[in-house]
Amino acid sequence: MTKKTIKTGSNNQEIRIAFLRNGYIRHQLTEKEHDELDEWVCPSFTNQRVFETITDGLMDYKENSDAYGS
């Protein structure tokens, strides 16, 4: 099995990770997309922190928006 490598810092990577992150928050990732996101998050503590910070903030916003009918 060939592992897909995404260049760190590339604009394409940032767009793809944003897409995967949004799919994760909406619970809309396929198994393959979830695996791709894991390949980016898991090897790097920095990536883990970035992912947690962004997704926690977005999920808090979504929960508050849902609670107030926004």
N, C-alpha and C. Protein backbone atom coordinates (compact mmCIF):
# COMPACT_ATOMS: atom_id res chain seq x y z
N MET A 1 0.83 -1.18 0.00
CA MET A 1 0.00 0.00 0.00
C MET A 1 0.88 1.24 0.00
N THR A 2 0.63 2.15 -0.91
CA THR A 2 1.40 3.37 -1.00
C THR A 2 0.76 4.43 -0.12
N LYS A 3 1.57 5.04 0.72
CA LYS A 3 1.07 6.10 1.59
C LYS A 3 1.10 7.43 0.85
N LYS A 4 0.01 8.18 0.95
CA LYS A 4 -0.05 9.50 0.33
C LYS A 4 0.68 10.48 1.23
N THR A 5 1.56 11.27 0.64
CA THR A 5 2.27 12.27 1.39
C THR A 5 1.78 13.64 0.97
N ILE A 6 1.42 14.44 1.93
CA ILE A 6 0.99 15.80 1.67
C ILE A 6 2.11 16.71 2.13
N LYS A 7 2.57 17.61 1.27
CA LYS A 7 3.66 18.49 1.61
C LYS A 7 3.22 19.45 2.72
N THR A 8 4.04 19.52 3.76
CA THR A 8 3.75 20.41 4.86
C THR A 8 3.87 21.85 4.40
N GLY A 9 2.86 22.64 4.80
CA GLY A 9 2.90 24.05 4.49
C GLY A 9 2.39 24.41 3.10
N SER A 10 2.01 23.44 2.30
CA SER A 10 1.53 23.75 0.97
C SER A 10 0.09 24.24 1.06
N ASN A 11 -0.28 25.12 0.14
CA ASN A 11 -1.64 25.64 0.09
C ASN A 11 -2.64 24.51 -0.13
N ASN A 12 -2.28 23.53 -0.97
CA ASN A 12 -3.16 22.39 -1.21
C ASN A 12 -3.40 21.61 0.07
N GLN A 13 -2.37 21.45 0.88
CA GLN A 13 -2.52 20.73 2.15
C GLN A 13 -3.46 21.48 3.07
N GLU A 14 -3.29 22.78 3.16
CA GLU A 14 -4.13 23.57 4.05
C GLU A 14 -5.59 23.47 3.64
N ILE A 15 -5.85 23.51 2.35
CA ILE A 15 -7.22 23.40 1.85
C ILE A 15 -7.77 22.01 2.15
N ARG A 16 -6.98 20.99 1.90
CA ARG A 16 -7.44 19.61 2.13
C ARG A 16 -7.70 19.36 3.61
N ILE A 17 -6.80 19.81 4.48
CA ILE A 17 -6.97 19.61 5.91
C ILE A 17 -8.21 20.36 6.40
N ALA A 18 -8.45 21.56 5.89
CA ALA A 18 -9.65 22.31 6.25
C ALA A 18 -10.90 21.53 5.84
N PHE A 19 -10.88 20.96 4.64
CA PHE A 19 -12.01 20.15 4.17
C PHE A 19 -12.24 18.95 5.09
N LEU A 20 -11.16 18.26 5.43
CA LEU A 20 -11.26 17.07 6.29
C LEU A 20 -11.71 17.46 7.70
N ARG A 21 -11.18 18.56 8.21
CA ARG A 21 -11.56 19.03 9.54
C ARG A 21 -13.05 19.36 9.59
N ASN A 22 -13.54 20.05 8.57
CA ASN A 22 -14.95 20.40 8.53
C ASN A 22 -15.83 19.16 8.41
N GLY A 23 -15.39 18.20 7.62
CA GLY A 23 -16.11 16.94 7.51
C GLY A 23 -16.14 16.19 8.83
N TYR A 24 -15.03 16.27 9.56
CA TYR A 24 -14.96 15.63 10.88
C TYR A 24 -15.98 16.26 11.83
N ILE A 25 -16.03 17.58 11.86
CA ILE A 25 -16.95 18.28 12.76
C ILE A 25 -18.40 17.96 12.41
N ARG A 26 -18.68 17.81 11.13
CA ARG A 26 -20.05 17.52 10.68
C ARG A 26 -20.37 16.02 10.66
N HIS A 27 -19.40 15.20 11.05
CA HIS A 27 -19.56 13.74 11.03
C HIS A 27 -19.89 13.25 9.63
N GLN A 28 -19.16 13.77 8.62
CA GLN A 28 -19.42 13.44 7.24
C GLN A 28 -18.21 12.84 6.53
N LEU A 29 -17.21 12.41 7.26
CA LEU A 29 -16.02 11.83 6.63
C LEU A 29 -16.24 10.36 6.29
N THR A 30 -15.73 9.98 5.15
CA THR A 30 -15.67 8.56 4.83
C THR A 30 -14.55 7.95 5.66
N GLU A 31 -14.49 6.64 5.68
CA GLU A 31 -13.41 5.97 6.41
C GLU A 31 -12.05 6.37 5.82
N LYS A 32 -11.98 6.45 4.51
CA LYS A 32 -10.73 6.82 3.84
C LYS A 32 -10.32 8.25 4.20
N GLU A 33 -11.28 9.17 4.23
CA GLU A 33 -10.99 10.55 4.60
C GLU A 33 -10.56 10.66 6.06
N HIS A 34 -11.20 9.88 6.93
CA HIS A 34 -10.82 9.87 8.34
C HIS A 34 -9.39 9.36 8.49
N ASP A 35 -9.05 8.33 7.75
CA ASP A 35 -7.67 7.80 7.77
C ASP A 35 -6.68 8.86 7.29
N GLU A 36 -7.07 9.60 6.25
CA GLU A 36 -6.20 10.67 5.72
C GLU A 36 -5.98 11.76 6.78
N LEU A 37 -7.05 12.13 7.47
CA LEU A 37 -6.92 13.12 8.54
C LEU A 37 -6.01 12.60 9.64
N ASP A 38 -6.18 11.34 10.02
CA ASP A 38 -5.32 10.73 11.04
C ASP A 38 -3.86 10.74 10.61
N GLU A 39 -3.60 10.54 9.32
CA GLU A 39 -2.22 10.55 8.81
C GLU A 39 -1.57 11.92 8.98
N TRP A 40 -2.37 12.96 8.98
CA TRP A 40 -1.85 14.31 9.18
C TRP A 40 -1.73 14.63 10.67
N VAL A 41 -2.74 14.25 11.45
CA VAL A 41 -2.79 14.62 12.87
C VAL A 41 -1.79 13.83 13.71
N CYS A 42 -1.79 12.53 13.56
CA CYS A 42 -1.09 11.65 14.51
C CYS A 42 0.43 11.79 14.58
N PRO A 43 1.15 11.95 13.48
CA PRO A 43 2.61 11.95 13.60
C PRO A 43 3.21 13.20 14.24
N SER A 44 2.43 14.26 14.39
CA SER A 44 3.00 15.52 14.84
C SER A 44 2.21 16.08 16.03
N PHE A 45 2.92 16.35 17.12
CA PHE A 45 2.28 16.96 18.28
C PHE A 45 1.72 18.33 17.90
N THR A 46 2.44 19.07 17.07
CA THR A 46 1.96 20.38 16.64
C THR A 46 0.66 20.24 15.87
N ASN A 47 0.59 19.28 14.95
CA ASN A 47 -0.65 19.07 14.20
C ASN A 47 -1.79 18.67 15.13
N GLN A 48 -1.49 17.85 16.14
CA GLN A 48 -2.52 17.45 17.11
C GLN A 48 -3.08 18.67 17.83
N ARG A 49 -2.21 19.55 18.27
CA ARG A 49 -2.64 20.75 19.00
C ARG A 49 -3.44 21.69 18.09
N VAL A 50 -2.98 21.85 16.86
CA VAL A 50 -3.71 22.70 15.90
C VAL A 50 -5.11 22.13 15.69
N PHE A 51 -5.18 20.83 15.44
CA PHE A 51 -6.47 20.18 15.19
C PHE A 51 -7.40 20.33 16.40
N GLU A 52 -6.88 20.06 17.59
CA GLU A 52 -7.70 20.16 18.80
C GLU A 52 -8.17 21.59 19.03
N THR A 53 -7.29 22.55 18.87
CA THR A 53 -7.66 23.95 19.10
C THR A 53 -8.74 24.40 18.14
N ILE A 54 -8.58 24.09 16.87
CA ILE A 54 -9.56 24.51 15.87
C ILE A 54 -10.88 23.77 16.03
N THR A 55 -10.82 22.47 16.15
CA THR A 55 -12.07 21.72 16.23
C THR A 55 -12.81 21.99 17.53
N ASP A 56 -12.10 22.13 18.64
CA ASP A 56 -12.77 22.45 19.90
C ASP A 56 -13.48 23.79 19.81
N GLY A 57 -12.81 24.77 19.24
CA GLY A 57 -13.42 26.09 19.09
C GLY A 57 -14.62 26.07 18.17
N LEU A 58 -14.52 25.37 17.06
CA LEU A 58 -15.64 25.30 16.12
C LEU A 58 -16.80 24.51 16.69
N MET A 59 -16.51 23.44 17.41
CA MET A 59 -17.58 22.63 17.99
C MET A 59 -18.29 23.42 19.11
N ASP A 60 -17.53 24.20 19.89
CA ASP A 60 -18.15 25.04 20.91
C ASP A 60 -19.06 26.08 20.26
N TYR A 61 -18.59 26.68 19.18
CA TYR A 61 -19.38 27.68 18.45
C TYR A 61 -20.66 27.04 17.92
N LYS A 62 -20.53 25.85 17.32
CA LYS A 62 -21.69 25.17 16.76
C LYS A 62 -22.70 24.84 17.85
N GLU A 63 -22.23 24.34 18.98
CA GLU A 63 -23.13 24.01 20.09
C GLU A 63 -23.85 25.25 20.61
N ASN A 64 -23.13 26.36 20.73
CA ASN A 64 -23.76 27.59 21.20
C ASN A 64 -24.73 28.14 20.19
N SER A 65 -24.40 28.04 18.91
CA SER A 65 -25.30 28.50 17.85
C SER A 65 -26.58 27.67 17.85
N ASP A 66 -26.44 26.37 18.00
CA ASP A 66 -27.61 25.47 18.03
C ASP A 66 -28.48 25.77 19.25
N ALA A 67 -27.84 26.06 20.38
CA ALA A 67 -28.58 26.31 21.62
C ALA A 67 -29.41 27.59 21.54
N TYR A 68 -28.89 28.58 20.77
CA TYR A 68 -29.59 29.85 20.67
C TYR A 68 -30.34 30.02 19.36
N GLY A 69 -30.39 28.95 18.57
CA GLY A 69 -31.15 28.97 17.33
C GLY A 69 -30.54 29.82 16.23
N SER A 70 -29.22 30.03 16.29
CA SER A 70 -28.55 30.82 15.25
C SER A 70 -28.24 29.99 14.05
